[in-house]
Amino acid sequence: MAKQKVEALINGGKASAAPPLGPALGPLGVNIVQVVAEINKKTADFAGMQVPVTVEVDTDTKEFTISIGTPPA
């Protein structure tokens, strides 16, 4: 049960499959569109701010969890 983390700063509500997320998530085998949609839903309240996001992927089951950090000042 190997887990890998992908960390990135994302514009609130505007994540996309473009870098930095797409190239980092692609090799892990997860559904990138699903991950991006979930990130956008969770960061919608932070529109216009850079939000730290951590995506933890279980490489065996392809399940993922998304953690949203506090935007820097």
PDB file of N, CA and C in Angstrom:
ATOM      1  N   MET A   1       0.833  -1.180   0.000  1.00  0.00           N
ATOM      2  CA  MET A   1       0.000   0.000   0.000  1.00  0.00           C
ATOM      3  C   MET A   1       0.879   1.245   0.000  1.00  0.00           C
ATOM      4  N   ALA A   2       1.429   1.557  -1.149  1.00  0.00           N
ATOM      5  CA  ALA A   2       2.302   2.711  -1.284  1.00  0.00           C
ATOM      6  C   ALA A   2       1.484   3.972  -1.491  1.00  0.00           C
ATOM      7  N   LYS A   3       1.888   5.024  -0.803  1.00  0.00           N
ATOM      8  CA  LYS A   3       1.209   6.311  -0.958  1.00  0.00           C
ATOM      9  C   LYS A   3       2.217   7.343  -1.411  1.00  0.00           C
ATOM     10  N   GLN A   4       1.766   8.203  -2.309  1.00  0.00           N
ATOM     11  CA  GLN A   4       2.611   9.283  -2.784  1.00  0.00           C
ATOM     12  C   GLN A   4       1.866  10.591  -2.626  1.00  0.00           C
ATOM     13  N   LYS A   5       2.627  11.648  -2.325  1.00  0.00           N
ATOM     14  CA  LYS A   5       2.039  12.976  -2.146  1.00  0.00           C
ATOM     15  C   LYS A   5       2.455  13.895  -3.276  1.00  0.00           C
ATOM     16  N   VAL A   6       1.511  14.721  -3.696  1.00  0.00           N
ATOM     17  CA  VAL A   6       1.777  15.776  -4.664  1.00  0.00           C
ATOM     18  C   VAL A   6       1.347  17.069  -4.000  1.00  0.00           C
ATOM     19  N   GLU A   7       2.274  18.012  -3.875  1.00  0.00           N
ATOM     20  CA  GLU A   7       1.977  19.303  -3.254  1.00  0.00           C
ATOM     21  C   GLU A   7       2.114  20.402  -4.292  1.00  0.00           C
ATOM     22  N   ALA A   8       1.173  21.362  -4.254  1.00  0.00           N
ATOM     23  CA  ALA A   8       1.211  22.457  -5.219  1.00  0.00           C
ATOM     24  C   ALA A   8       0.470  23.661  -4.664  1.00  0.00           C
ATOM     25  N   LEU A   9       0.803  24.837  -5.193  1.00  0.00           N
ATOM     26  CA  LEU A   9       0.043  26.058  -4.916  1.00  0.00           C
ATOM     27  C   LEU A   9      -0.913  26.255  -6.081  1.00  0.00           C
ATOM     28  N   ILE A  10      -2.196  26.358  -5.766  1.00  0.00           N
ATOM     29  CA  ILE A  10      -3.233  26.435  -6.789  1.00  0.00           C
ATOM     30  C   ILE A  10      -4.035  27.710  -6.592  1.00  0.00           C
ATOM     31  N   ASN A  11      -4.432  28.361  -7.697  1.00  0.00           N
ATOM     32  CA  ASN A  11      -5.352  29.487  -7.594  1.00  0.00           C
ATOM     33  C   ASN A  11      -6.697  28.946  -7.134  1.00  0.00           C
ATOM     34  N   GLY A  12      -7.267  29.535  -6.097  1.00  0.00           N
ATOM     35  CA  GLY A  12      -8.525  29.053  -5.532  1.00  0.00           C
ATOM     36  C   GLY A  12      -9.613  28.872  -6.568  1.00  0.00           C
ATOM     37  N   GLY A  13     -10.144  27.655  -6.683  1.00  0.00           N
ATOM     38  CA  GLY A  13     -11.225  27.350  -7.607  1.00  0.00           C
ATOM     39  C   GLY A  13     -10.824  27.264  -9.058  1.00  0.00           C
ATOM     40  N   LYS A  14      -9.525  27.337  -9.355  1.00  0.00           N
ATOM     41  CA  LYS A  14      -9.085  27.352 -10.756  1.00  0.00           C
ATOM     42  C   LYS A  14      -8.014  26.309 -11.058  1.00  0.00           C
ATOM     43  N   ALA A  15      -8.052  25.182 -10.375  1.00  0.00           N
ATOM     44  CA  ALA A  15      -7.095  24.113 -10.678  1.00  0.00           C
ATOM     45  C   ALA A  15      -7.402  23.563 -12.065  1.00  0.00           C
ATOM     46  N   SER A  16      -6.369  23.074 -12.737  1.00  0.00           N
ATOM     47  CA  SER A  16      -6.561  22.465 -14.062  1.00  0.00           C
ATOM     48  C   SER A  16      -5.577  21.322 -14.228  1.00  0.00           C
ATOM     49  N   ALA A  17      -5.735  20.583 -15.315  1.00  0.00           N
ATOM     50  CA  ALA A  17      -4.844  19.461 -15.585  1.00  0.00           C
ATOM     51  C   ALA A  17      -3.485  19.922 -16.113  1.00  0.00           C
ATOM     52  N   ALA A  18      -3.332  21.227 -16.286  1.00  0.00           N
ATOM     53  CA  ALA A  18      -2.049  21.782 -16.725  1.00  0.00           C
ATOM     54  C   ALA A  18      -1.055  21.713 -15.564  1.00  0.00           C
ATOM     55  N   PRO A  19       0.225  21.977 -15.841  1.00  0.00           N
ATOM     56  CA  PRO A  19       1.205  21.980 -14.744  1.00  0.00           C
ATOM     57  C   PRO A  19       0.775  22.939 -13.649  1.00  0.00           C
ATOM     58  N   PRO A  20       1.008  22.664 -12.404  1.00  0.00           N
ATOM     59  CA  PRO A  20       1.850  21.585 -11.897  1.00  0.00           C
ATOM     60  C   PRO A  20       1.114  20.270 -11.621  1.00  0.00           C
ATOM     61  N   LEU A  21      -0.211  20.268 -11.638  1.00  0.00           N
ATOM     62  CA  LEU A  21      -0.940  19.061 -11.236  1.00  0.00           C
ATOM     63  C   LEU A  21      -0.905  17.920 -12.253  1.00  0.00           C
ATOM     64  N   GLY A  22      -1.252  18.204 -13.488  1.00  0.00           N
ATOM     65  CA  GLY A  22      -1.355  17.152 -14.504  1.00  0.00           C
ATOM     66  C   GLY A  22      -0.118  16.284 -14.621  1.00  0.00           C
ATOM     67  N   PRO A  23       1.053  16.883 -14.864  1.00  0.00           N
ATOM     68  CA  PRO A  23       2.269  16.070 -15.003  1.00  0.00           C
ATOM     69  C   PRO A  23       2.640  15.300 -13.733  1.00  0.00           C
ATOM     70  N   ALA A  24       2.286  15.833 -12.567  1.00  0.00           N
ATOM     71  CA  ALA A  24       2.617  15.153 -11.315  1.00  0.00           C
ATOM     72  C   ALA A  24       1.648  13.996 -11.039  1.00  0.00           C
ATOM     73  N   LEU A  25       0.376  14.160 -11.391  1.00  0.00           N
ATOM     74  CA  LEU A  25      -0.625  13.132 -11.110  1.00  0.00           C
ATOM     75  C   LEU A  25      -0.699  12.054 -12.184  1.00  0.00           C
ATOM     76  N   GLY A  26      -0.370  12.386 -13.413  1.00  0.00           N
ATOM     77  CA  GLY A  26      -0.458  11.432 -14.522  1.00  0.00           C
ATOM     78  C   GLY A  26       0.209  10.096 -14.256  1.00  0.00           C
ATOM     79  N   PRO A  27       1.465  10.076 -13.842  1.00  0.00           N
ATOM     80  CA  PRO A  27       2.157   8.796 -13.612  1.00  0.00           C
ATOM     81  C   PRO A  27       1.575   7.989 -12.448  1.00  0.00           C
ATOM     82  N   LEU A  28       0.763   8.618 -11.601  1.00  0.00           N
ATOM     83  CA  LEU A  28       0.201   7.912 -10.445  1.00  0.00           C
ATOM     84  C   LEU A  28      -1.060   7.135 -10.807  1.00  0.00           C
ATOM     85  N   GLY A  29      -1.612   7.384 -12.004  1.00  0.00           N
ATOM     86  CA  GLY A  29      -2.733   6.596 -12.493  1.00  0.00           C
ATOM     87  C   GLY A  29      -4.099   6.988 -11.974  1.00  0.00           C
ATOM     88  N   VAL A  30      -4.224   8.170 -11.369  1.00  0.00           N
ATOM     89  CA  VAL A  30      -5.534   8.606 -10.881  1.00  0.00           C
ATOM     90  C   VAL A  30      -6.282   9.351 -11.983  1.00  0.00           C
ATOM     91  N   ASN A  31      -7.580   9.502 -11.818  1.00  0.00           N
ATOM     92  CA  ASN A  31      -8.399  10.258 -12.751  1.00  0.00           C
ATOM     93  C   ASN A  31      -8.154  11.749 -12.484  1.00  0.00           C
ATOM     94  N   ILE A  32      -7.367  12.374 -13.333  1.00  0.00           N
ATOM     95  CA  ILE A  32      -6.955  13.763 -13.116  1.00  0.00           C
ATOM     96  C   ILE A  32      -8.151  14.706 -13.120  1.00  0.00           C
ATOM     97  N   VAL A  33      -9.116  14.470 -14.001  1.00  0.00           N
ATOM     98  CA  VAL A  33     -10.298  15.335 -14.069  1.00  0.00           C
ATOM     99  C   VAL A  33     -11.066  15.282 -12.746  1.00  0.00           C
ATOM    100  N   GLN A  34     -11.177  14.110 -12.167  1.00  0.00           N
ATOM    101  CA  GLN A  34     -11.880  13.953 -10.893  1.00  0.00           C
ATOM    102  C   GLN A  34     -11.131  14.675  -9.767  1.00  0.00           C
ATOM    103  N   VAL A  35      -9.814  14.549  -9.756  1.00  0.00           N
ATOM    104  CA  VAL A  35      -9.001  15.213  -8.731  1.00  0.00           C
ATOM    105  C   VAL A  35      -9.129  16.728  -8.863  1.00  0.00           C
ATOM    106  N   VAL A  36      -9.026  17.243 -10.080  1.00  0.00           N
ATOM    107  CA  VAL A  36      -9.115  18.687 -10.311  1.00  0.00           C
ATOM    108  C   VAL A  36     -10.491  19.213  -9.903  1.00  0.00           C
ATOM    109  N   ALA A  37     -11.554  18.483 -10.232  1.00  0.00           N
ATOM    110  CA  ALA A  37     -12.906  18.915  -9.861  1.00  0.00           C
ATOM    111  C   ALA A  37     -13.056  18.987  -8.343  1.00  0.00           C
ATOM    112  N   GLU A  38     -12.507  18.012  -7.652  1.00  0.00           N
ATOM    113  CA  GLU A  38     -12.588  17.991  -6.186  1.00  0.00           C
ATOM    114  C   GLU A  38     -11.794  19.156  -5.585  1.00  0.00           C
ATOM    115  N   ILE A  39     -10.611  19.421  -6.134  1.00  0.00           N
ATOM    116  CA  ILE A  39      -9.803  20.549  -5.650  1.00  0.00           C
ATOM    117  C   ILE A  39     -10.549  21.865  -5.875  1.00  0.00           C
ATOM    118  N   ASN A  40     -11.133  22.033  -7.047  1.00  0.00           N
ATOM    119  CA  ASN A  40     -11.858  23.278  -7.339  1.00  0.00           C
ATOM    120  C   ASN A  40     -13.053  23.456  -6.403  1.00  0.00           C
ATOM    121  N   LYS A  41     -13.733  22.367  -6.082  1.00  0.00           N
ATOM    122  CA  LYS A  41     -14.867  22.445  -5.163  1.00  0.00           C
ATOM    123  C   LYS A  41     -14.399  22.863  -3.769  1.00  0.00           C
ATOM    124  N   LYS A  42     -13.275  22.293  -3.324  1.00  0.00           N
ATOM    125  CA  LYS A  42     -12.785  22.583  -1.974  1.00  0.00           C
ATOM    126  C   LYS A  42     -12.126  23.954  -1.852  1.00  0.00           C
ATOM    127  N   THR A  43     -11.643  24.511  -2.962  1.00  0.00           N
ATOM    128  CA  THR A  43     -10.944  25.800  -2.896  1.00  0.00           C
ATOM    129  C   THR A  43     -11.772  26.963  -3.436  1.00  0.00           C
ATOM    130  N   ALA A  44     -13.028  26.728  -3.777  1.00  0.00           N
ATOM    131  CA  ALA A  44     -13.872  27.781  -4.370  1.00  0.00           C
ATOM    132  C   ALA A  44     -13.974  29.015  -3.481  1.00  0.00           C
ATOM    133  N   ASP A  45     -13.955  28.833  -2.171  1.00  0.00           N
ATOM    134  CA  ASP A  45     -14.067  29.968  -1.254  1.00  0.00           C
ATOM    135  C   ASP A  45     -12.804  30.830  -1.222  1.00  0.00           C
ATOM    136  N   PHE A  46     -11.709  30.346  -1.797  1.00  0.00           N
ATOM    137  CA  PHE A  46     -10.439  31.070  -1.790  1.00  0.00           C
ATOM    138  C   PHE A  46     -10.130  31.692  -3.153  1.00  0.00           C
ATOM    139  N   ALA A  47     -11.151  32.025  -3.920  1.00  0.00           N
ATOM    140  CA  ALA A  47     -10.958  32.596  -5.259  1.00  0.00           C
ATOM    141  C   ALA A  47     -10.033  33.804  -5.195  1.00  0.00           C
ATOM    142  N   GLY A  48      -9.070  33.850  -6.103  1.00  0.00           N
ATOM    143  CA  GLY A  48      -8.127  34.958  -6.164  1.00  0.00           C
ATOM    144  C   GLY A  48      -6.913  34.802  -5.268  1.00  0.00           C
ATOM    145  N   MET A  49      -6.839  33.702  -4.513  1.00  0.00           N
ATOM    146  CA  MET A  49      -5.705  33.464  -3.617  1.00  0.00           C
ATOM    147  C   MET A  49      -4.965  32.197  -4.027  1.00  0.00           C
ATOM    148  N   GLN A  50      -3.676  32.156  -3.726  1.00  0.00           N
ATOM    149  CA  GLN A  50      -2.879  30.956  -3.918  1.00  0.00           C
ATOM    150  C   GLN A  50      -3.113  30.047  -2.708  1.00  0.00           C
ATOM    151  N   VAL A  51      -3.569  28.826  -2.960  1.00  0.00           N
ATOM    152  CA  VAL A  51      -3.910  27.906  -1.886  1.00  0.00           C
ATOM    153  C   VAL A  51      -2.999  26.682  -1.950  1.00  0.00           C
ATOM    154  N   PRO A  52      -2.328  26.344  -0.838  1.00  0.00           N
ATOM    155  CA  PRO A  52      -1.517  25.123  -0.838  1.00  0.00           C
ATOM    156  C   PRO A  52      -2.427  23.887  -0.793  1.00  0.00           C
ATOM    157  N   VAL A  53      -2.182  22.967  -1.719  1.00  0.00           N
ATOM    158  CA  VAL A  53      -2.985  21.755  -1.832  1.00  0.00           C
ATOM    159  C   VAL A  53      -2.059  20.549  -1.793  1.00  0.00           C
ATOM    160  N   THR A  54      -2.450  19.531  -1.045  1.00  0.00           N
ATOM    161  CA  THR A  54      -1.715  18.270  -1.014  1.00  0.00           C
ATOM    162  C   THR A  54      -2.660  17.163  -1.452  1.00  0.00           C
ATOM    163  N   VAL A  55      -2.257  16.420  -2.474  1.00  0.00           N
ATOM    164  CA  VAL A  55      -3.030  15.272  -2.938  1.00  0.00           C
ATOM    165  C   VAL A  55      -2.235  14.028  -2.564  1.00  0.00           C
ATOM    166  N   GLU A  56      -2.832  13.169  -1.746  1.00  0.00           N
ATOM    167  CA  GLU A  56      -2.181  11.920  -1.356  1.00  0.00           C
ATOM    168  C   GLU A  56      -2.861  10.787  -2.113  1.00  0.00           C
ATOM    169  N   VAL A  57      -2.064  10.035  -2.878  1.00  0.00           N
ATOM    170  CA  VAL A  57      -2.597   8.979  -3.740  1.00  0.00           C
ATOM    171  C   VAL A  57      -2.096   7.625  -3.265  1.00  0.00           C
ATOM    172  N   ASP A  58      -3.033   6.690  -3.100  1.00  0.00           N
ATOM    173  CA  ASP A  58      -2.679   5.295  -2.833  1.00  0.00           C
ATOM    174  C   ASP A  58      -2.455   4.663  -4.203  1.00  0.00           C
ATOM    175  N   THR A  59      -1.208   4.363  -4.529  1.00  0.00           N
ATOM    176  CA  THR A  59      -0.877   3.891  -5.869  1.00  0.00           C
ATOM    177  C   THR A  59      -1.402   2.486  -6.157  1.00  0.00           C
ATOM    178  N   ASP A  60      -1.800   1.758  -5.138  1.00  0.00           N
ATOM    179  CA  ASP A  60      -2.360   0.426  -5.353  1.00  0.00           C
ATOM    180  C   ASP A  60      -3.838   0.497  -5.741  1.00  0.00           C
ATOM    181  N   THR A  61      -4.618   1.268  -4.998  1.00  0.00           N
ATOM    182  CA  THR A  61      -6.063   1.334  -5.230  1.00  0.00           C
ATOM    183  C   THR A  61      -6.482   2.532  -6.081  1.00  0.00           C
ATOM    184  N   LYS A  62      -5.553   3.469  -6.315  1.00  0.00           N
ATOM    185  CA  LYS A  62      -5.803   4.719  -7.060  1.00  0.00           C
ATOM    186  C   LYS A  62      -6.779   5.641  -6.342  1.00  0.00           C
ATOM    187  N   GLU A  63      -7.002   5.421  -5.041  1.00  0.00           N
ATOM    188  CA  GLU A  63      -7.824   6.331  -4.256  1.00  0.00           C
ATOM    189  C   GLU A  63      -6.973   7.524  -3.849  1.00  0.00           C
ATOM    190  N   PHE A  64      -7.622   8.676  -3.673  1.00  0.00           N
ATOM    191  CA  PHE A  64      -6.879   9.876  -3.316  1.00  0.00           C
ATOM    192  C   PHE A  64      -7.595  10.654  -2.222  1.00  0.00           C
ATOM    193  N   THR A  65      -6.813  11.405  -1.463  1.00  0.00           N
ATOM    194  CA  THR A  65      -7.353  12.349  -0.491  1.00  0.00           C
ATOM    195  C   THR A  65      -6.723  13.708  -0.767  1.00  0.00           C
ATOM    196  N   ILE A  66      -7.504  14.735  -0.550  1.00  0.00           N
ATOM    197  CA  ILE A  66      -7.047  16.093  -0.826  1.00  0.00           C
ATOM    198  C   ILE A  66      -7.073  16.901   0.469  1.00  0.00           C
ATOM    199  N   SER A  67      -5.948  17.524   0.784  1.00  0.00           N
ATOM    200  CA  SER A  67      -5.850  18.394   1.964  1.00  0.00           C
ATOM    201  C   SER A  67      -5.623  19.816   1.475  1.00  0.00           C
ATOM    202  N   ILE A  68      -6.406  20.737   2.009  1.00  0.00           N
ATOM    203  CA  ILE A  68      -6.285  22.144   1.652  1.00  0.00           C
ATOM    204  C   ILE A  68      -5.624  22.872   2.818  1.00  0.00           C
ATOM    205  N   GLY A  69      -4.567  23.620   2.510  1.00  0.00           N
ATOM    206  CA  GLY A  69      -3.883  24.389   3.540  1.00  0.00           C
ATOM    207  C   GLY A  69      -4.448  25.795   3.648  1.00  0.00           C
ATOM    208  N   THR A  70      -3.833  26.596   4.484  1.00  0.00           N
ATOM    209  CA  THR A  70      -4.235  27.994   4.656  1.00  0.00           C
ATOM    210  C   THR A  70      -3.448  28.848   3.677  1.00  0.00           C
ATOM    211  N   PRO A  71      -4.138  29.690   2.908  1.00  0.00           N
ATOM    212  CA  PRO A  71      -3.411  30.560   1.964  1.00  0.00           C
ATOM    213  C   PRO A  71      -2.415  31.451   2.693  1.00  0.00           C
ATOM    214  N   PRO A  72      -1.212  31.617   2.141  1.00  0.00           N
ATOM    215  CA  PRO A  72      -0.234  32.503   2.774  1.00  0.00           C
ATOM    216  C   PRO A  72      -0.691  33.957   2.700  1.00  0.00           C
ATOM    217  N   ALA A  73      -0.211  34.745   3.637  1.00  0.00           N
ATOM    218  CA  ALA A  73      -0.614  36.158   3.705  1.00  0.00           C
ATOM    219  C   ALA A  73      -0.042  36.958   2.561  1.00  0.00           C
TER     220      ALA A  73
END
